[in-house]
C-alpha atoms as a PDB file:
ATOM      1  CA  UNK A   1      79.960 289.207 336.256  1.00  0.00           C
ATOM      2  CA  UNK A   2      76.747 288.601 334.335  1.00  0.00           C
ATOM      3  CA  UNK A   3      76.144 287.053 330.949  1.00  0.00           C
ATOM      4  CA  UNK A   4      72.933 286.354 329.134  1.00  0.00           C
ATOM      5  CA  UNK A   5      71.245 284.789 326.157  1.00  0.00           C
ATOM      6  CA  UNK A   6      67.989 285.275 324.295  1.00  0.00           C
ATOM      7  CA  UNK A   7      65.788 282.505 322.907  1.00  0.00           C
ATOM      8  CA  UNK A   8      62.277 282.454 321.437  1.00  0.00           C
ATOM      9  CA  UNK A   9      59.276 280.152 321.668  1.00  0.00           C
ATOM     10  CA  UNK A  10      55.906 280.249 319.945  1.00  0.00           C
ATOM     11  CA  UNK A  11      52.956 279.130 322.052  1.00  0.00           C
ATOM     12  CA  UNK A  12      49.194 279.494 322.224  1.00  0.00           C
ATOM     13  CA  UNK A  13      46.996 280.083 325.247  1.00  0.00           C
ATOM     14  CA  UNK A  14      43.680 281.377 326.465  1.00  0.00           C
ATOM     15  CA  UNK A  15      43.110 283.004 329.823  1.00  0.00           C
ATOM     16  CA  UNK A  16      39.895 281.578 331.299  1.00  0.00           C
ATOM     17  CA  UNK A  17      37.243 284.219 332.032  1.00  0.00           C
ATOM     18  CA  UNK A  18      39.464 287.058 330.784  1.00  0.00           C
ATOM     19  CA  UNK A  19      37.449 289.639 328.799  1.00  0.00           C
ATOM     20  CA  UNK A  20      39.937 290.087 325.948  1.00  0.00           C
ATOM     21  CA  UNK A  21      42.301 287.113 326.211  1.00  0.00           C
ATOM     22  CA  UNK A  22      39.706 284.398 326.818  1.00  0.00           C
ATOM     23  CA  UNK A  23      39.898 283.055 323.272  1.00  0.00           C
ATOM     24  CA  UNK A  24      42.779 280.877 322.094  1.00  0.00           C
ATOM     25  CA  UNK A  25      45.548 283.024 320.593  1.00  0.00           C
ATOM     26  CA  UNK A  26      49.303 282.833 320.148  1.00  0.00           C
ATOM     27  CA  UNK A  27      52.422 284.743 321.050  1.00  0.00           C
ATOM     28  CA  UNK A  28      56.076 284.700 320.190  1.00  0.00           C
ATOM     29  CA  UNK A  29      57.723 284.782 323.604  1.00  0.00           C
ATOM     30  CA  UNK A  30      61.201 286.228 323.955  1.00  0.00           C
ATOM     31  CA  UNK A  31      63.042 284.457 326.774  1.00  0.00           C
ATOM     32  CA  UNK A  32      66.069 286.171 328.331  1.00  0.00           C
ATOM     33  CA  UNK A  33      68.266 284.322 330.818  1.00  0.00           C
ATOM     34  CA  UNK A  34      71.067 286.108 332.647  1.00  0.00           C
ATOM     35  CA  UNK A  35      73.432 284.142 334.914  1.00  0.00           C
ATOM     36  CA  UNK A  36      75.772 285.689 337.452  1.00  0.00           C
ATOM     37  CA  UNK A  37      79.036 284.274 338.714  1.00  0.00           C
ATOM     38  CA  UNK A  38      82.791 284.546 338.859  1.00  0.00           C
ATOM     39  CA  UNK A  39      85.029 283.740 335.917  1.00  0.00           C
ATOM     40  CA  UNK A  40      86.776 280.375 336.056  1.00  0.00           C
ATOM     41  CA  UNK A  41      89.113 279.498 333.235  1.00  0.00           C
ATOM     42  CA  UNK A  42      88.358 282.807 331.550  1.00  0.00           C
ATOM     43  CA  UNK A  43      84.551 282.626 331.528  1.00  0.00           C
ATOM     44  CA  UNK A  44      81.551 282.496 333.819  1.00  0.00           C
ATOM     45  CA  UNK A  45      79.811 279.850 331.716  1.00  0.00           C
ATOM     46  CA  UNK A  46      80.152 278.711 328.139  1.00  0.00           C
ATOM     47  CA  UNK A  47      77.397 280.278 326.012  1.00  0.00           C
ATOM     48  CA  UNK A  48      76.946 276.906 324.285  1.00  0.00           C
ATOM     49  CA  UNK A  49      76.196 275.162 327.585  1.00  0.00           C
ATOM     50  CA  UNK A  50      73.793 277.876 328.707  1.00  0.00           C
ATOM     51  CA  UNK A  51      71.928 277.818 325.399  1.00  0.00           C
ATOM     52  CA  UNK A  52      71.693 274.007 325.478  1.00  0.00           C
ATOM     53  CA  UNK A  53      70.165 274.011 328.966  1.00  0.00           C
ATOM     54  CA  UNK A  54      67.719 276.798 328.149  1.00  0.00           C
ATOM     55  CA  UNK A  55      66.691 275.234 324.841  1.00  0.00           C
ATOM     56  CA  UNK A  56      66.097 271.868 326.549  1.00  0.00           C
ATOM     57  CA  UNK A  57      63.770 273.514 329.076  1.00  0.00           C
ATOM     58  CA  UNK A  58      61.969 275.648 326.495  1.00  0.00           C
ATOM     59  CA  UNK A  59      61.323 272.674 324.209  1.00  0.00           C
ATOM     60  CA  UNK A  60      58.505 271.659 326.553  1.00  0.00           C
ATOM     61  CA  UNK A  61      56.712 274.968 325.893  1.00  0.00           C
ATOM     62  CA  UNK A  62      57.498 275.656 322.238  1.00  0.00           C
ATOM     63  CA  UNK A  63      54.633 275.140 319.759  1.00  0.00           C
ATOM     64  CA  UNK A  64      52.320 274.027 322.557  1.00  0.00           C
ATOM     65  CA  UNK A  65      48.950 275.075 323.864  1.00  0.00           C
ATOM     66  CA  UNK A  66      49.980 276.307 327.299  1.00  0.00           C
ATOM     67  CA  UNK A  67      46.529 275.517 328.711  1.00  0.00           C
ATOM     68  CA  UNK A  68      47.515 271.850 328.436  1.00  0.00           C
ATOM     69  CA  UNK A  69      50.472 272.524 330.748  1.00  0.00           C
ATOM     70  CA  UNK A  70      49.045 274.858 333.388  1.00  0.00           C
ATOM     71  CA  UNK A  71      45.680 275.876 334.768  1.00  0.00           C
ATOM     72  CA  UNK A  72      46.046 279.606 334.133  1.00  0.00           C
ATOM     73  CA  UNK A  73      48.778 280.216 331.532  1.00  0.00           C
ATOM     74  CA  UNK A  74      49.485 283.885 332.190  1.00  0.00           C
ATOM     75  CA  UNK A  75      52.897 285.283 331.385  1.00  0.00           C
ATOM     76  CA  UNK A  76      53.575 285.384 335.146  1.00  0.00           C
ATOM     77  CA  UNK A  77      52.778 281.678 335.561  1.00  0.00           C
ATOM     78  CA  UNK A  78      54.770 280.752 332.467  1.00  0.00           C
ATOM     79  CA  UNK A  79      57.761 282.664 333.864  1.00  0.00           C
ATOM     80  CA  UNK A  80      57.504 280.853 337.203  1.00  0.00           C
ATOM     81  CA  UNK A  81      57.237 277.453 335.506  1.00  0.00           C
ATOM     82  CA  UNK A  82      60.286 278.040 333.299  1.00  0.00           C
ATOM     83  CA  UNK A  83      62.220 279.496 336.234  1.00  0.00           C
ATOM     84  CA  UNK A  84      61.572 276.390 338.354  1.00  0.00           C
ATOM     85  CA  UNK A  85      62.872 274.094 335.617  1.00  0.00           C
ATOM     86  CA  UNK A  86      65.935 276.230 334.982  1.00  0.00           C
ATOM     87  CA  UNK A  87      66.675 276.412 338.706  1.00  0.00           C
ATOM     88  CA  UNK A  88      67.102 272.624 338.719  1.00  0.00           C
ATOM     89  CA  UNK A  89      69.738 272.816 335.973  1.00  0.00           C
ATOM     90  CA  UNK A  90      71.680 276.065 336.249  1.00  0.00           C
ATOM     91  CA  UNK A  91      74.675 276.153 338.605  1.00  0.00           C
ATOM     92  CA  UNK A  92      74.530 279.937 339.091  1.00  0.00           C
ATOM     93  CA  UNK A  93      72.080 282.542 340.361  1.00  0.00           C
ATOM     94  CA  UNK A  94      70.107 283.837 337.386  1.00  0.00           C
ATOM     95  CA  UNK A  95      67.296 286.100 336.313  1.00  0.00           C
ATOM     96  CA  UNK A  96      64.637 285.187 333.794  1.00  0.00           C
ATOM     97  CA  UNK A  97      62.667 287.672 331.720  1.00  0.00           C
ATOM     98  CA  UNK A  98      59.752 286.464 329.591  1.00  0.00           C
ATOM     99  CA  UNK A  99      58.411 288.858 326.952  1.00  0.00           C
ATOM    100  CA  UNK A 100      54.866 288.242 325.721  1.00  0.00           C
ATOM    101  CA  UNK A 101      55.060 289.847 322.305  1.00  0.00           C
ATOM    102  CA  UNK A 102      56.471 293.374 322.147  1.00  0.00           C
ATOM    103  CA  UNK A 103      56.510 295.719 325.103  1.00  0.00           C
ATOM    104  CA  UNK A 104      55.179 293.338 327.801  1.00  0.00           C
ATOM    105  CA  UNK A 105      57.415 291.307 330.098  1.00  0.00           C
ATOM    106  CA  UNK A 106      57.669 289.520 333.428  1.00  0.00           C
ATOM    107  CA  UNK A 107      60.913 289.000 335.346  1.00  0.00           C
ATOM    108  CA  UNK A 108      61.857 286.613 338.121  1.00  0.00           C
END
């Protein structure tokens, strides 16, 4: 069974040497986390616990200049960085989808 949550962060970045995204600009990122597991005690995981873990991880990226955190802050690299931190804390297999604004996303 799968269950998921959605959270949001606001961050700024510039993509070095990129023709259109080379200047500092911001995005509202939509972060979707979907865990998969078997029900125990009637649920796979408490939504409260999942949201707490995800919010703790995302706090390091919210209202930040992502260039201060990574060399090339593309949506792909942001997704991989968040995924690695969540992997340390989530007890289930999961998927992560990071939306950069509307209509553009990366999934791991």
